[in-house]
C-alpha atoms as a PDB file:
ATOM      1  CA  MET A   1      10.675 159.285 119.339  1.00  0.00           C
ATOM      2  CA  ALA A   2       9.897 157.047 116.367  1.00  0.00           C
ATOM      3  CA  PHE A   3      12.590 156.703 113.703  1.00  0.00           C
ATOM      4  CA  ARG A   4      15.124 158.803 115.583  1.00  0.00           C
ATOM      5  CA  PHE A   5      17.870 157.640 113.206  1.00  0.00           C
ATOM      6  CA  ARG A   6      16.528 160.118 110.654  1.00  0.00           C
ATOM      7  CA  ASN A   7      17.869 162.933 112.835  1.00  0.00           C
ATOM      8  CA  PHE A   8      21.470 161.686 112.774  1.00  0.00           C
ATOM      9  CA  LYS A   9      23.802 163.321 110.260  1.00  0.00           C
ATOM     10  CA  VAL A  10      25.817 160.107 110.070  1.00  0.00           C
ATOM     11  CA  TYR A  11      22.674 158.292 108.893  1.00  0.00           C
ATOM     12  CA  GLN A  12      21.979 160.905 106.221  1.00  0.00           C
ATOM     13  CA  ASP A  13      25.595 160.803 105.018  1.00  0.00           C
ATOM     14  CA  ALA A  14      25.647 156.992 104.953  1.00  0.00           C
ATOM     15  CA  LYS A  15      22.440 156.952 102.927  1.00  0.00           C
ATOM     16  CA  LEU A  16      23.879 159.384 100.360  1.00  0.00           C
ATOM     17  CA  LEU A  17      27.073 157.376 100.095  1.00  0.00           C
ATOM     18  CA  HIS A  18      25.101 154.171  99.553  1.00  0.00           C
ATOM     19  CA  ARG A  19      23.272 155.865  96.682  1.00  0.00           C
ATOM     20  CA  GLU A  20      26.625 156.830  95.136  1.00  0.00           C
ATOM     21  CA  ILE A  21      27.919 153.265  95.487  1.00  0.00           C
ATOM     22  CA  VAL A  22      24.823 151.917  93.725  1.00  0.00           C
ATOM     23  CA  ILE A  23      25.368 154.356  90.852  1.00  0.00           C
ATOM     24  CA  LEU A  24      29.046 153.329  90.645  1.00  0.00           C
ATOM     25  CA  VAL A  25      28.493 149.578  90.615  1.00  0.00           C
ATOM     26  CA  ASN A  26      25.779 149.851  87.994  1.00  0.00           C
ATOM     27  CA  THR A  27      28.628 150.731  85.600  1.00  0.00           C
ATOM     28  CA  PHE A  28      30.473 147.458  86.280  1.00  0.00           C
ATOM     29  CA  PRO A  29      30.455 144.772  83.566  1.00  0.00           C
ATOM     30  CA  ARG A  30      27.994 141.920  84.126  1.00  0.00           C
ATOM     31  CA  ASN A  31      30.730 139.421  84.932  1.00  0.00           C
ATOM     32  CA  TYR A  32      31.469 141.462  88.083  1.00  0.00           C
ATOM     33  CA  TRP A  33      27.893 141.183  89.351  1.00  0.00           C
ATOM     34  CA  TYR A  34      29.106 139.422  92.508  1.00  0.00           C
ATOM     35  CA  LEU A  35      31.379 142.346  93.425  1.00  0.00           C
ATOM     36  CA  ALA A  36      28.697 144.906  92.610  1.00  0.00           C
ATOM     37  CA  ASP A  37      26.188 142.997  94.734  1.00  0.00           C
ATOM     38  CA  GLN A  38      28.602 142.751  97.665  1.00  0.00           C
ATOM     39  CA  MET A  39      29.405 146.475  97.513  1.00  0.00           C
ATOM     40  CA  LYS A  40      25.710 147.375  97.459  1.00  0.00           C
ATOM     41  CA  ARG A  41      25.026 145.080 100.413  1.00  0.00           C
ATOM     42  CA  SER A  42      27.967 146.264 102.519  1.00  0.00           C
ATOM     43  CA  SER A  43      27.200 149.948 101.921  1.00  0.00           C
ATOM     44  CA  LEU A  44      23.527 149.319 102.693  1.00  0.00           C
ATOM     45  CA  SER A  45      24.572 147.539 105.894  1.00  0.00           C
ATOM     46  CA  ILE A  46      26.183 150.763 107.115  1.00  0.00           C
ATOM     47  CA  VAL A  47      22.870 152.587 106.786  1.00  0.00           C
ATOM     48  CA  LEU A  48      20.657 149.823 108.142  1.00  0.00           C
ATOM     49  CA  ASN A  49      22.759 149.137 111.224  1.00  0.00           C
ATOM     50  CA  ILE A  50      22.606 152.800 112.213  1.00  0.00           C
ATOM     51  CA  ALA A  51      18.828 152.674 111.841  1.00  0.00           C
ATOM     52  CA  GLU A  52      18.374 149.359 113.634  1.00  0.00           C
ATOM     53  CA  GLY A  53      20.727 150.264 116.470  1.00  0.00           C
ATOM     54  CA  SER A  54      18.910 153.519 117.123  1.00  0.00           C
ATOM     55  CA  SER A  55      15.865 151.613 118.349  1.00  0.00           C
ATOM     56  CA  LYS A  56      17.750 149.621 120.985  1.00  0.00           C
ATOM     57  CA  GLN A  57      17.030 150.173 124.644  1.00  0.00           C
ATOM     58  CA  SER A  58      20.503 151.260 125.675  1.00  0.00           C
ATOM     59  CA  ASP A  59      23.387 153.220 124.227  1.00  0.00           C
ATOM     60  CA  LYS A  60      25.576 150.168 124.852  1.00  0.00           C
ATOM     61  CA  ASP A  61      23.366 148.098 122.552  1.00  0.00           C
ATOM     62  CA  PHE A  62      23.218 150.918 119.993  1.00  0.00           C
ATOM     63  CA  ASN A  63      27.010 151.107 120.046  1.00  0.00           C
ATOM     64  CA  ARG A  64      27.269 147.448 118.984  1.00  0.00           C
ATOM     65  CA  TYR A  65      25.371 148.345 115.828  1.00  0.00           C
ATOM     66  CA  ILE A  66      27.655 151.310 115.225  1.00  0.00           C
ATOM     67  CA  ALA A  67      30.583 148.877 115.459  1.00  0.00           C
ATOM     68  CA  ILE A  68      28.934 146.672 112.841  1.00  0.00           C
ATOM     69  CA  SER A  69      28.482 149.737 110.627  1.00  0.00           C
ATOM     70  CA  LEU A  70      32.197 150.476 110.990  1.00  0.00           C
ATOM     71  CA  GLY A  71      32.975 146.930 109.902  1.00  0.00           C
ATOM     72  CA  SER A  72      30.777 147.431 106.857  1.00  0.00           C
ATOM     73  CA  VAL A  73      32.705 150.598 105.995  1.00  0.00           C
ATOM     74  CA  ASP A  74      35.897 148.517 105.935  1.00  0.00           C
ATOM     75  CA  GLU A  75      34.183 145.832 103.876  1.00  0.00           C
ATOM     76  CA  THR A  76      33.073 148.410 101.330  1.00  0.00           C
ATOM     77  CA  ILE A  77      36.590 149.868 101.111  1.00  0.00           C
ATOM     78  CA  ALA A  78      38.052 146.391 100.576  1.00  0.00           C
ATOM     79  CA  SER A  79      35.533 145.856  97.772  1.00  0.00           C
ATOM     80  CA  LEU A  80      36.466 149.207  96.247  1.00  0.00           C
ATOM     81  CA  GLU A  81      40.129 148.194  96.321  1.00  0.00           C
ATOM     82  CA  ILE A  82      39.309 144.978  94.492  1.00  0.00           C
ATOM     83  CA  ALA A  83      37.276 146.952  91.939  1.00  0.00           C
ATOM     84  CA  PHE A  84      40.207 149.331  91.498  1.00  0.00           C
ATOM     85  CA  ASP A  85      42.629 146.422  91.076  1.00  0.00           C
ATOM     86  CA  GLN A  86      40.322 145.031  88.385  1.00  0.00           C
ATOM     87  CA  LYS A  87      40.340 148.458  86.687  1.00  0.00           C
ATOM     88  CA  LEU A  88      36.601 148.923  87.237  1.00  0.00           C
ATOM     89  CA  LEU A  89      37.134 152.453  88.514  1.00  0.00           C
ATOM     90  CA  SER A  90      39.786 155.095  88.068  1.00  0.00           C
ATOM     91  CA  LYS A  91      42.306 156.080  90.694  1.00  0.00           C
ATOM     92  CA  GLU A  92      40.511 159.427  91.082  1.00  0.00           C
ATOM     93  CA  ARG A  93      37.158 157.713  91.730  1.00  0.00           C
ATOM     94  CA  PHE A  94      38.802 155.314  94.179  1.00  0.00           C
ATOM     95  CA  ILE A  95      40.410 158.196  96.074  1.00  0.00           C
ATOM     96  CA  TYR A  96      37.064 160.018  96.140  1.00  0.00           C
ATOM     97  CA  PHE A  97      35.208 157.024  97.598  1.00  0.00           C
ATOM     98  CA  GLU A  98      38.024 156.241 100.003  1.00  0.00           C
ATOM     99  CA  GLY A  99      37.864 159.803 101.331  1.00  0.00           C
ATOM    100  CA  ARG A 100      34.083 159.709 101.685  1.00  0.00           C
ATOM    101  CA  HIS A 101      34.289 156.427 103.587  1.00  0.00           C
ATOM    102  CA  GLU A 102      37.058 157.769 105.808  1.00  0.00           C
ATOM    103  CA  LEU A 103      34.858 160.721 106.753  1.00  0.00           C
ATOM    104  CA  LEU A 104      31.970 158.372 107.461  1.00  0.00           C
ATOM    105  CA  SER A 105      34.228 156.142 109.547  1.00  0.00           C
ATOM    106  CA  ASN A 106      35.323 159.165 111.576  1.00  0.00           C
ATOM    107  CA  GLN A 107      31.690 160.183 112.105  1.00  0.00           C
ATOM    108  CA  LEU A 108      30.798 156.691 113.277  1.00  0.00           C
ATOM    109  CA  GLY A 109      33.826 156.617 115.585  1.00  0.00           C
ATOM    110  CA  GLY A 110      32.823 159.954 117.096  1.00  0.00           C
ATOM    111  CA  PHE A 111      29.245 158.777 117.475  1.00  0.00           C
ATOM    112  CA  SER A 112      30.495 155.624 119.196  1.00  0.00           C
ATOM    113  CA  LYS A 113      32.512 157.715 121.680  1.00  0.00           C
ATOM    114  CA  PHE A 114      29.438 159.850 122.343  1.00  0.00           C
ATOM    115  CA  LEU A 115      27.356 156.741 123.069  1.00  0.00           C
ATOM    116  CA  LYS A 116      29.999 155.464 125.475  1.00  0.00           C
ATOM    117  CA  SER A 117      30.005 158.667 127.507  1.00  0.00           C
END
């Protein structure tokens, strides 16, 4: 099946979350362009690794890409913490994004377990 990643809920959720991150970082002042760029790239990496991994020949190979996606979730959270420390987002917004990323991390972890079985 071509583009099977489109059928995965975790892919759809990661794509929506990336869109939200892009909207958030577009509110950052220009002198934080580097942080905004990194957050966009790390959140996009979550989505793209799910897609790329889905085309691999084995579940073991696919699972490596899921692991990379999980790393990108952590990278995005670390970037959000830095943005929060710099007062670029409110505590409420940080908690919201942290919760969304935690849910995504749990989905990826569950998907990884499924691929291992």
